[in-house]
PDB file of N, CA and C in Angstrom:
ATOM      1  N   MET A   1       7.799  -1.273  18.726  1.00  0.00           N
ATOM      2  CA  MET A   1       9.105  -1.855  18.428  1.00  0.00           C
ATOM      3  C   MET A   1      10.165  -0.767  18.345  1.00  0.00           C
ATOM      4  N   HIS A   2       9.789   0.420  17.845  1.00  0.00           N
ATOM      5  CA  HIS A   2      10.701   1.512  17.756  1.00  0.00           C
ATOM      6  C   HIS A   2      11.262   1.938  19.113  1.00  0.00           C
ATOM      7  N   LEU A   3      10.378   1.971  20.107  1.00  0.00           N
ATOM      8  CA  LEU A   3      10.832   2.378  21.453  1.00  0.00           C
ATOM      9  C   LEU A   3      11.746   1.338  22.054  1.00  0.00           C
ATOM     10  N   CYS A   4      11.705   0.106  21.568  1.00  0.00           N
ATOM     11  CA  CYS A   4      12.568  -0.969  22.090  1.00  0.00           C
ATOM     12  C   CYS A   4      13.882  -0.980  21.321  1.00  0.00           C
ATOM     13  N   GLY A   5      14.061  -0.074  20.385  1.00  0.00           N
ATOM     14  CA  GLY A   5      15.311  -0.015  19.575  1.00  0.00           C
ATOM     15  C   GLY A   5      15.230  -0.779  18.309  1.00  0.00           C
ATOM     16  N   VAL A   6      14.079  -1.371  17.955  1.00  0.00           N
ATOM     17  CA  VAL A   6      13.964  -2.125  16.710  1.00  0.00           C
ATOM     18  C   VAL A   6      13.647  -1.076  15.610  1.00  0.00           C
ATOM     19  N   GLN A   7      14.460  -1.030  14.591  1.00  0.00           N
ATOM     20  CA  GLN A   7      14.330  -0.008  13.592  1.00  0.00           C
ATOM     21  C   GLN A   7      14.339  -0.651  12.163  1.00  0.00           C
ATOM     22  N   GLN A   8      13.615  -0.051  11.274  1.00  0.00           N
ATOM     23  CA  GLN A   8      13.501  -0.322   9.879  1.00  0.00           C
ATOM     24  C   GLN A   8      13.579  -1.749   9.490  1.00  0.00           C
ATOM     25  N   ASP A   9      14.710  -2.214   8.883  1.00  0.00           N
ATOM     26  CA  ASP A   9      14.780  -3.595   8.347  1.00  0.00           C
ATOM     27  C   ASP A   9      14.526  -4.633   9.464  1.00  0.00           C
ATOM     28  N   LYS A  10      15.006  -4.405  10.662  1.00  0.00           N
ATOM     29  CA  LYS A  10      14.794  -5.387  11.770  1.00  0.00           C
ATOM     30  C   LYS A  10      13.296  -5.340  12.157  1.00  0.00           C
ATOM     31  N   ALA A  11      12.659  -4.185  12.153  1.00  0.00           N
ATOM     32  CA  ALA A  11      11.228  -4.149  12.450  1.00  0.00           C
ATOM     33  C   ALA A  11      10.388  -4.916  11.420  1.00  0.00           C
ATOM     34  N   ILE A  12      10.746  -4.754  10.176  1.00  0.00           N
ATOM     35  CA  ILE A  12      10.074  -5.526   9.118  1.00  0.00           C
ATOM     36  C   ILE A  12      10.325  -7.004   9.265  1.00  0.00           C
ATOM     37  N   GLN A  13      11.540  -7.361   9.646  1.00  0.00           N
ATOM     38  CA  GLN A  13      11.825  -8.804   9.836  1.00  0.00           C
ATOM     39  C   GLN A  13      11.004  -9.367  10.975  1.00  0.00           C
ATOM     40  N   VAL A  14      10.802  -8.589  12.059  1.00  0.00           N
ATOM     41  CA  VAL A  14       9.993  -9.024  13.189  1.00  0.00           C
ATOM     42  C   VAL A  14       8.557  -9.266  12.698  1.00  0.00           C
ATOM     43  N   ILE A  15       8.009  -8.315  11.912  1.00  0.00           N
ATOM     44  CA  ILE A  15       6.685  -8.429  11.390  1.00  0.00           C
ATOM     45  C   ILE A  15       6.589  -9.678  10.484  1.00  0.00           C
ATOM     46  N   ARG A  16       7.552  -9.842   9.598  1.00  0.00           N
ATOM     47  CA  ARG A  16       7.562 -11.048   8.722  1.00  0.00           C
ATOM     48  C   ARG A  16       7.615 -12.335   9.507  1.00  0.00           C
ATOM     49  N   ASP A  17       8.467 -12.343  10.520  1.00  0.00           N
ATOM     50  CA  ASP A  17       8.576 -13.560  11.331  1.00  0.00           C
ATOM     51  C   ASP A  17       7.231 -13.862  12.064  1.00  0.00           C
ATOM     52  N   SER A  18       6.583 -12.840  12.526  1.00  0.00           N
ATOM     53  CA  SER A  18       5.276 -13.044  13.213  1.00  0.00           C
ATOM     54  C   SER A  18       4.258 -13.609  12.237  1.00  0.00           C
ATOM     55  N   VAL A  19       4.207 -12.999  11.035  1.00  0.00           N
ATOM     56  CA  VAL A  19       3.257 -13.438  10.026  1.00  0.00           C
ATOM     57  C   VAL A  19       3.591 -14.907   9.609  1.00  0.00           C
ATOM     58  N   LYS A  20       4.883 -15.159   9.432  1.00  0.00           N
ATOM     59  CA  LYS A  20       5.301 -16.492   9.059  1.00  0.00           C
ATOM     60  C   LYS A  20       4.931 -17.540  10.109  1.00  0.00           C
ATOM     61  N   ALA A  21       5.069 -17.161  11.391  1.00  0.00           N
ATOM     62  CA  ALA A  21       4.735 -18.099  12.472  1.00  0.00           C
ATOM     63  C   ALA A  21       3.232 -18.413  12.435  1.00  0.00           C
ATOM     64  N   CYS A  22       2.391 -17.406  12.195  1.00  0.00           N
ATOM     65  CA  CYS A  22       0.988 -17.650  12.096  1.00  0.00           C
ATOM     66  C   CYS A  22       0.645 -18.592  10.933  1.00  0.00           C
ATOM     67  N   LEU A  23       1.229 -18.276   9.768  1.00  0.00           N
ATOM     68  CA  LEU A  23       0.981 -19.033   8.584  1.00  0.00           C
ATOM     69  C   LEU A  23       1.431 -20.471   8.676  1.00  0.00           C
ATOM     70  N   SER A  24       2.675 -20.664   9.282  1.00  0.00           N
ATOM     71  CA  SER A  24       3.143 -22.079   9.388  1.00  0.00           C
ATOM     72  C   SER A  24       2.421 -22.837  10.431  1.00  0.00           C
ATOM     73  N   ALA A  25       1.712 -22.160  11.304  1.00  0.00           N
ATOM     74  CA  ALA A  25       0.845 -22.908  12.294  1.00  0.00           C
ATOM     75  C   ALA A  25      -0.486 -23.221  11.691  1.00  0.00           C
ATOM     76  N   GLY A  26      -0.640 -22.906  10.380  1.00  0.00           N
ATOM     77  CA  GLY A  26      -1.920 -23.201   9.719  1.00  0.00           C
ATOM     78  C   GLY A  26      -2.967 -22.211  10.014  1.00  0.00           C
ATOM     79  N   GLU A  27      -2.634 -21.062  10.568  1.00  0.00           N
ATOM     80  CA  GLU A  27      -3.609 -20.042  10.905  1.00  0.00           C
ATOM     81  C   GLU A  27      -3.516 -18.915   9.916  1.00  0.00           C
ATOM     82  N   SER A  28      -4.491 -18.071   9.944  1.00  0.00           N
ATOM     83  CA  SER A  28      -4.539 -16.870   9.106  1.00  0.00           C
ATOM     84  C   SER A  28      -3.774 -15.761   9.851  1.00  0.00           C
ATOM     85  N   ALA A  29      -2.833 -15.121   9.142  1.00  0.00           N
ATOM     86  CA  ALA A  29      -2.072 -14.064   9.750  1.00  0.00           C
ATOM     87  C   ALA A  29      -3.039 -12.914  10.101  1.00  0.00           C
ATOM     88  N   VAL A  30      -4.002 -12.621   9.198  1.00  0.00           N
ATOM     89  CA  VAL A  30      -5.002 -11.589   9.445  1.00  0.00           C
ATOM     90  C   VAL A  30      -5.802 -11.982  10.691  1.00  0.00           C
ATOM     91  N   GLY A  31      -6.169 -13.248  10.777  1.00  0.00           N
ATOM     92  CA  GLY A  31      -6.940 -13.714  11.918  1.00  0.00           C
ATOM     93  C   GLY A  31      -6.169 -13.558  13.192  1.00  0.00           C
ATOM     94  N   CYS A  32      -4.879 -13.824  13.164  1.00  0.00           N
ATOM     95  CA  CYS A  32      -4.068 -13.678  14.396  1.00  0.00           C
ATOM     96  C   CYS A  32      -4.072 -12.236  14.879  1.00  0.00           C
ATOM     97  N   VAL A  33      -3.880 -11.287  13.925  1.00  0.00           N
ATOM     98  CA  VAL A  33      -3.894  -9.873  14.300  1.00  0.00           C
ATOM     99  C   VAL A  33      -5.242  -9.450  14.798  1.00  0.00           C
ATOM    100  N   LYS A  34      -6.297  -9.819  14.013  1.00  0.00           N
ATOM    101  CA  LYS A  34      -7.670  -9.411  14.396  1.00  0.00           C
ATOM    102  C   LYS A  34      -8.044  -9.933  15.750  1.00  0.00           C
ATOM    103  N   GLU A  35      -7.584 -11.124  16.073  1.00  0.00           N
ATOM    104  CA  GLU A  35      -7.848 -11.765  17.342  1.00  0.00           C
ATOM    105  C   GLU A  35      -7.278 -10.913  18.506  1.00  0.00           C
ATOM    106  N   GLN A  36      -6.166 -10.219  18.246  1.00  0.00           N
ATOM    107  CA  GLN A  36      -5.519  -9.416  19.305  1.00  0.00           C
ATOM    108  C   GLN A  36      -6.044  -8.000  19.379  1.00  0.00           C
ATOM    109  N   LEU A  37      -6.902  -7.595  18.433  1.00  0.00           N
ATOM    110  CA  LEU A  37      -7.385  -6.176  18.388  1.00  0.00           C
ATOM    111  C   LEU A  37      -8.090  -5.759  19.683  1.00  0.00           C
ATOM    112  N   PRO A  38      -8.967  -6.578  20.294  1.00  0.00           N
ATOM    113  CA  PRO A  38      -9.602  -6.156  21.587  1.00  0.00           C
ATOM    114  C   PRO A  38      -8.549  -5.856  22.673  1.00  0.00           C
ATOM    115  N   THR A  39      -7.515  -6.699  22.751  1.00  0.00           N
ATOM    116  CA  THR A  39      -6.463  -6.464  23.707  1.00  0.00           C
ATOM    117  C   THR A  39      -5.716  -5.157  23.446  1.00  0.00           C
ATOM    118  N   ILE A  40      -5.400  -4.936  22.133  1.00  0.00           N
ATOM    119  CA  ILE A  40      -4.691  -3.757  21.740  1.00  0.00           C
ATOM    120  C   ILE A  40      -5.525  -2.539  22.094  1.00  0.00           C
ATOM    121  N   GLU A  41      -6.790  -2.513  21.751  1.00  0.00           N
ATOM    122  CA  GLU A  41      -7.672  -1.367  22.029  1.00  0.00           C
ATOM    123  C   GLU A  41      -7.769  -1.133  23.493  1.00  0.00           C
ATOM    124  N   THR A  42      -7.901  -2.168  24.297  1.00  0.00           N
ATOM    125  CA  THR A  42      -7.931  -2.015  25.752  1.00  0.00           C
ATOM    126  C   THR A  42      -6.705  -1.389  26.272  1.00  0.00           C
ATOM    127  N   GLU A  43      -5.541  -1.779  25.811  1.00  0.00           N
ATOM    128  CA  GLU A  43      -4.262  -1.240  26.266  1.00  0.00           C
ATOM    129  C   GLU A  43      -4.144   0.241  25.850  1.00  0.00           C
ATOM    130  N   ILE A  44      -4.601   0.560  24.609  1.00  0.00           N
ATOM    131  CA  ILE A  44      -4.517   1.955  24.140  1.00  0.00           C
ATOM    132  C   ILE A  44      -5.391   2.832  25.050  1.00  0.00           C
ATOM    133  N   THR A  45      -6.575   2.361  25.366  1.00  0.00           N
ATOM    134  CA  THR A  45      -7.475   3.142  26.254  1.00  0.00           C
ATOM    135  C   THR A  45      -6.842   3.319  27.609  1.00  0.00           C
ATOM    136  N   ARG A  46      -6.217   2.230  28.199  1.00  0.00           N
ATOM    137  CA  ARG A  46      -5.601   2.328  29.485  1.00  0.00           C
ATOM    138  C   ARG A  46      -4.431   3.311  29.462  1.00  0.00           C
ATOM    139  N   ILE A  47      -3.633   3.276  28.408  1.00  0.00           N
ATOM    140  CA  ILE A  47      -2.441   4.162  28.297  1.00  0.00           C
ATOM    141  C   ILE A  47      -2.908   5.599  28.198  1.00  0.00           C
ATOM    142  N   LYS A  48      -3.971   5.872  27.383  1.00  0.00           N
ATOM    143  CA  LYS A  48      -4.437   7.211  27.260  1.00  0.00           C
ATOM    144  C   LYS A  48      -4.951   7.766  28.611  1.00  0.00           C
ATOM    145  N   LYS A  49      -5.664   6.905  29.385  1.00  0.00           N
ATOM    146  CA  LYS A  49      -6.163   7.300  30.701  1.00  0.00           C
ATOM    147  C   LYS A  49      -4.998   7.626  31.624  1.00  0.00           C
ATOM    148  N   GLU A  50      -3.933   6.798  31.602  1.00  0.00           N
ATOM    149  CA  GLU A  50      -2.805   7.058  32.443  1.00  0.00           C
ATOM    150  C   GLU A  50      -2.124   8.398  32.101  1.00  0.00           C
ATOM    151  N   ILE A  51      -2.050   8.665  30.808  1.00  0.00           N
ATOM    152  CA  ILE A  51      -1.405   9.914  30.381  1.00  0.00           C
ATOM    153  C   ILE A  51      -2.264  11.124  30.853  1.00  0.00           C
ATOM    154  N   ILE A  52      -3.545  11.027  30.630  1.00  0.00           N
ATOM    155  CA  ILE A  52      -4.470  12.113  31.008  1.00  0.00           C
ATOM    156  C   ILE A  52      -4.452  12.265  32.542  1.00  0.00           C
ATOM    157  N   ASP A  53      -4.484  11.192  33.286  1.00  0.00           N
ATOM    158  CA  ASP A  53      -4.448  11.288  34.735  1.00  0.00           C
ATOM    159  C   ASP A  53      -3.187  11.881  35.282  1.00  0.00           C
ATOM    160  N   SER A  54      -2.079  11.763  34.557  1.00  0.00           N
ATOM    161  CA  SER A  54      -0.767  12.271  35.005  1.00  0.00           C
ATOM    162  C   SER A  54      -0.596  13.771  34.718  1.00  0.00           C
ATOM    163  N   LEU A  55      -1.460  14.332  33.856  1.00  0.00           N
ATOM    164  CA  LEU A  55      -1.366  15.755  33.564  1.00  0.00           C
ATOM    165  C   LEU A  55      -1.800  16.607  34.723  1.00  0.00           C
ATOM    166  N   PRO A  56      -1.138  17.768  34.928  1.00  0.00           N
ATOM    167  CA  PRO A  56      -1.558  18.649  36.000  1.00  0.00           C
ATOM    168  C   PRO A  56      -2.869  19.256  35.664  1.00  0.00           C
ATOM    169  N   LYS A  57      -3.650  19.529  36.726  1.00  0.00           N
ATOM    170  CA  LYS A  57      -4.963  20.150  36.523  1.00  0.00           C
ATOM    171  C   LYS A  57      -4.704  21.664  36.217  1.00  0.00           C
ATOM    172  N   GLN A  58      -5.504  22.165  35.283  1.00  0.00           N
ATOM    173  CA  GLN A  58      -5.318  23.567  34.911  1.00  0.00           C
ATOM    174  C   GLN A  58      -6.642  24.299  35.145  1.00  0.00           C
ATOM    175  N   ALA A  59      -6.535  25.441  35.776  1.00  0.00           N
ATOM    176  CA  ALA A  59      -7.707  26.319  36.024  1.00  0.00           C
ATOM    177  C   ALA A  59      -7.966  27.120  34.738  1.00  0.00           C
ATOM    178  N   CYS A  60      -9.161  27.319  34.383  1.00  0.00           N
ATOM    179  CA  CYS A  60      -9.515  28.087  33.179  1.00  0.00           C
ATOM    180  C   CYS A  60     -10.659  28.968  33.490  1.00  0.00           C
ATOM    181  N   ARG A  61     -10.498  30.227  33.085  1.00  0.00           N
ATOM    182  CA  ARG A  61     -11.569  31.194  33.220  1.00  0.00           C
ATOM    183  C   ARG A  61     -11.885  31.764  31.847  1.00  0.00           C
ATOM    184  N   GLY A  62     -13.152  31.737  31.473  1.00  0.00           N
ATOM    185  CA  GLY A  62     -13.538  32.249  30.197  1.00  0.00           C
ATOM    186  C   GLY A  62     -13.340  31.249  29.080  1.00  0.00           C
ATOM    187  N   ASN A  63     -13.427  31.728  27.844  1.00  0.00           N
ATOM    188  CA  ASN A  63     -13.332  30.876  26.668  1.00  0.00           C
ATOM    189  C   ASN A  63     -11.882  30.536  26.428  1.00  0.00           C
ATOM    190  N   VAL A  64     -11.699  29.318  25.864  1.00  0.00           N
ATOM    191  CA  VAL A  64     -10.364  28.904  25.479  1.00  0.00           C
ATOM    192  C   VAL A  64     -10.340  28.794  23.943  1.00  0.00           C
ATOM    193  N   LYS A  65      -9.370  29.439  23.352  1.00  0.00           N
ATOM    194  CA  LYS A  65      -9.262  29.376  21.880  1.00  0.00           C
ATOM    195  C   LYS A  65      -7.912  28.731  21.533  1.00  0.00           C
ATOM    196  N   PHE A  66      -7.953  27.935  20.457  1.00  0.00           N
ATOM    197  CA  PHE A  66      -6.723  27.345  19.991  1.00  0.00           C
ATOM    198  C   PHE A  66      -6.834  27.057  18.534  1.00  0.00           C
ATOM    199  N   GLU A  67      -5.694  26.927  17.876  1.00  0.00           N
ATOM    200  CA  GLU A  67      -5.609  26.564  16.507  1.00  0.00           C
ATOM    201  C   GLU A  67      -4.938  25.203  16.380  1.00  0.00           C
ATOM    202  N   THR A  68      -5.410  24.370  15.482  1.00  0.00           N
ATOM    203  CA  THR A  68      -4.771  23.075  15.301  1.00  0.00           C
ATOM    204  C   THR A  68      -3.742  23.185  14.213  1.00  0.00           C
ATOM    205  N   VAL A  69      -2.746  22.343  14.385  1.00  0.00           N
ATOM    206  CA  VAL A  69      -1.641  22.295  13.408  1.00  0.00           C
ATOM    207  C   VAL A  69      -1.505  20.806  13.055  1.00  0.00           C
ATOM    208  N   VAL A  70      -1.467  20.561  11.770  1.00  0.00           N
ATOM    209  CA  VAL A  70      -1.277  19.169  11.316  1.00  0.00           C
ATOM    210  C   VAL A  70       0.149  19.051  10.767  1.00  0.00           C
ATOM    211  N   VAL A  71       0.875  18.083  11.327  1.00  0.00           N
ATOM    212  CA  VAL A  71       2.263  17.866  10.945  1.00  0.00           C
ATOM    213  C   VAL A  71       2.267  16.470  10.273  1.00  0.00           C
ATOM    214  N   GLU A  72       2.739  16.455   9.029  1.00  0.00           N
ATOM    215  CA  GLU A  72       2.874  15.214   8.284  1.00  0.00           C
ATOM    216  C   GLU A  72       4.359  14.964   7.984  1.00  0.00           C
ATOM    217  N   GLU A  73       4.717  13.730   8.043  1.00  0.00           N
ATOM    218  CA  GLU A  73       6.095  13.389   7.749  1.00  0.00           C
ATOM    219  C   GLU A  73       6.079  12.476   6.511  1.00  0.00           C
ATOM    220  N   TYR A  74       6.878  12.849   5.542  1.00  0.00           N
ATOM    221  CA  TYR A  74       6.990  11.997   4.326  1.00  0.00           C
ATOM    222  C   TYR A  74       8.365  11.359   4.326  1.00  0.00           C
ATOM    223  N   VAL A  75       8.333  10.073   4.294  1.00  0.00           N
ATOM    224  CA  VAL A  75       9.616   9.301   4.278  1.00  0.00           C
ATOM    225  C   VAL A  75       9.680   8.515   2.996  1.00  0.00           C
ATOM    226  N   PRO A  76      10.438   8.967   2.048  1.00  0.00           N
ATOM    227  CA  PRO A  76      10.545   8.203   0.752  1.00  0.00           C
ATOM    228  C   PRO A  76      11.429   6.980   0.895  1.00  0.00           C
ATOM    229  N   ASN A  77      10.876   6.017   1.590  1.00  0.00           N
ATOM    230  CA  ASN A  77      11.702   4.808   1.914  1.00  0.00           C
ATOM    231  C   ASN A  77      10.848   3.557   1.644  1.00  0.00           C
ATOM    232  N   ASN A  78      11.352   2.745   0.726  1.00  0.00           N
ATOM    233  CA  ASN A  78      10.594   1.531   0.366  1.00  0.00           C
ATOM    234  C   ASN A  78      10.357   0.603   1.529  1.00  0.00           C
ATOM    235  N   THR A  79      11.296   0.579   2.466  1.00  0.00           N
ATOM    236  CA  THR A  79      11.183  -0.316   3.611  1.00  0.00           C
ATOM    237  C   THR A  79       9.966   0.109   4.488  1.00  0.00           C
ATOM    238  N   VAL A  80       9.778   1.383   4.717  1.00  0.00           N
ATOM    239  CA  VAL A  80       8.667   1.882   5.471  1.00  0.00           C
ATOM    240  C   VAL A  80       7.358   1.583   4.712  1.00  0.00           C
ATOM    241  N   SER A  81       7.371   1.881   3.393  1.00  0.00           N
ATOM    242  CA  SER A  81       6.169   1.582   2.594  1.00  0.00           C
ATOM    243  C   SER A  81       5.804   0.121   2.613  1.00  0.00           C
ATOM    244  N   GLU A  82       6.805  -0.696   2.547  1.00  0.00           N
ATOM    245  CA  GLU A  82       6.594  -2.146   2.534  1.00  0.00           C
ATOM    246  C   GLU A  82       5.959  -2.591   3.880  1.00  0.00           C
ATOM    247  N   ALA A  83       6.487  -2.033   4.967  1.00  0.00           N
ATOM    248  CA  ALA A  83       5.931  -2.364   6.318  1.00  0.00           C
ATOM    249  C   ALA A  83       4.473  -1.919   6.414  1.00  0.00           C
ATOM    250  N   ASN A  84       4.212  -0.706   5.924  1.00  0.00           N
ATOM    251  CA  ASN A  84       2.832  -0.198   5.948  1.00  0.00           C
ATOM    252  C   ASN A  84       1.900  -1.090   5.136  1.00  0.00           C
ATOM    253  N   ASN A  85       2.389  -1.539   3.975  1.00  0.00           N
ATOM    254  CA  ASN A  85       1.526  -2.368   3.126  1.00  0.00           C
ATOM    255  C   ASN A  85       1.280  -3.732   3.834  1.00  0.00           C
ATOM    256  N   ILE A  86       2.259  -4.278   4.508  1.00  0.00           N
ATOM    257  CA  ILE A  86       2.089  -5.546   5.203  1.00  0.00           C
ATOM    258  C   ILE A  86       1.015  -5.351   6.306  1.00  0.00           C
ATOM    259  N   LEU A  87       1.111  -4.248   7.083  1.00  0.00           N
ATOM    260  CA  LEU A  87       0.156  -4.016   8.151  1.00  0.00           C
ATOM    261  C   LEU A  87      -1.242  -3.790   7.579  1.00  0.00           C
ATOM    262  N   LYS A  88      -1.358  -3.054   6.478  1.00  0.00           N
ATOM    263  CA  LYS A  88      -2.678  -2.853   5.871  1.00  0.00           C
ATOM    264  C   LYS A  88      -3.261  -4.201   5.441  1.00  0.00           C
ATOM    265  N   GLU A  89      -2.433  -5.036   4.880  1.00  0.00           N
ATOM    266  CA  GLU A  89      -2.909  -6.345   4.478  1.00  0.00           C
ATOM    267  C   GLU A  89      -3.365  -7.181   5.622  1.00  0.00           C
ATOM    268  N   LEU A  90      -2.584  -7.158   6.707  1.00  0.00           N
ATOM    269  CA  LEU A  90      -2.990  -7.917   7.903  1.00  0.00           C
ATOM    270  C   LEU A  90      -4.259  -7.407   8.495  1.00  0.00           C
ATOM    271  N   LEU A  91      -4.486  -6.098   8.449  1.00  0.00           N
ATOM    272  CA  LEU A  91      -5.695  -5.543   9.054  1.00  0.00           C
ATOM    273  C   LEU A  91      -6.885  -5.566   8.062  1.00  0.00           C
ATOM    274  N   GLY A  92      -6.656  -6.077   6.857  1.00  0.00           N
ATOM    275  CA  GLY A  92      -7.702  -6.133   5.893  1.00  0.00           C
ATOM    276  C   GLY A  92      -8.141  -4.798   5.317  1.00  0.00           C
ATOM    277  N   GLU A  93      -7.229  -3.897   5.189  1.00  0.00           N
ATOM    278  CA  GLU A  93      -7.581  -2.581   4.643  1.00  0.00           C
ATOM    279  C   GLU A  93      -7.208  -2.543   3.173  1.00  0.00           C
TER     280      GLU A  93
END
């Protein structure tokens, strides 16, 4: 949604509307999301493969050494926390 220009309050509203649509149809919102997980996982796998296939081939001689860096972003924003809580609830976490 972010890449489509949907940000913060509007993104939460889209999530709420989706959940509301599932619930008013007499369905479980969690069930609706879980039902789509295989499709989502297939798309993620396909996208990863496309990205990997588009990378240029690199020749390597000898050992390769690297260090990992973990970058974390902290956003003290109730809107983001609320959206995360909704998603956790939908996914049953």
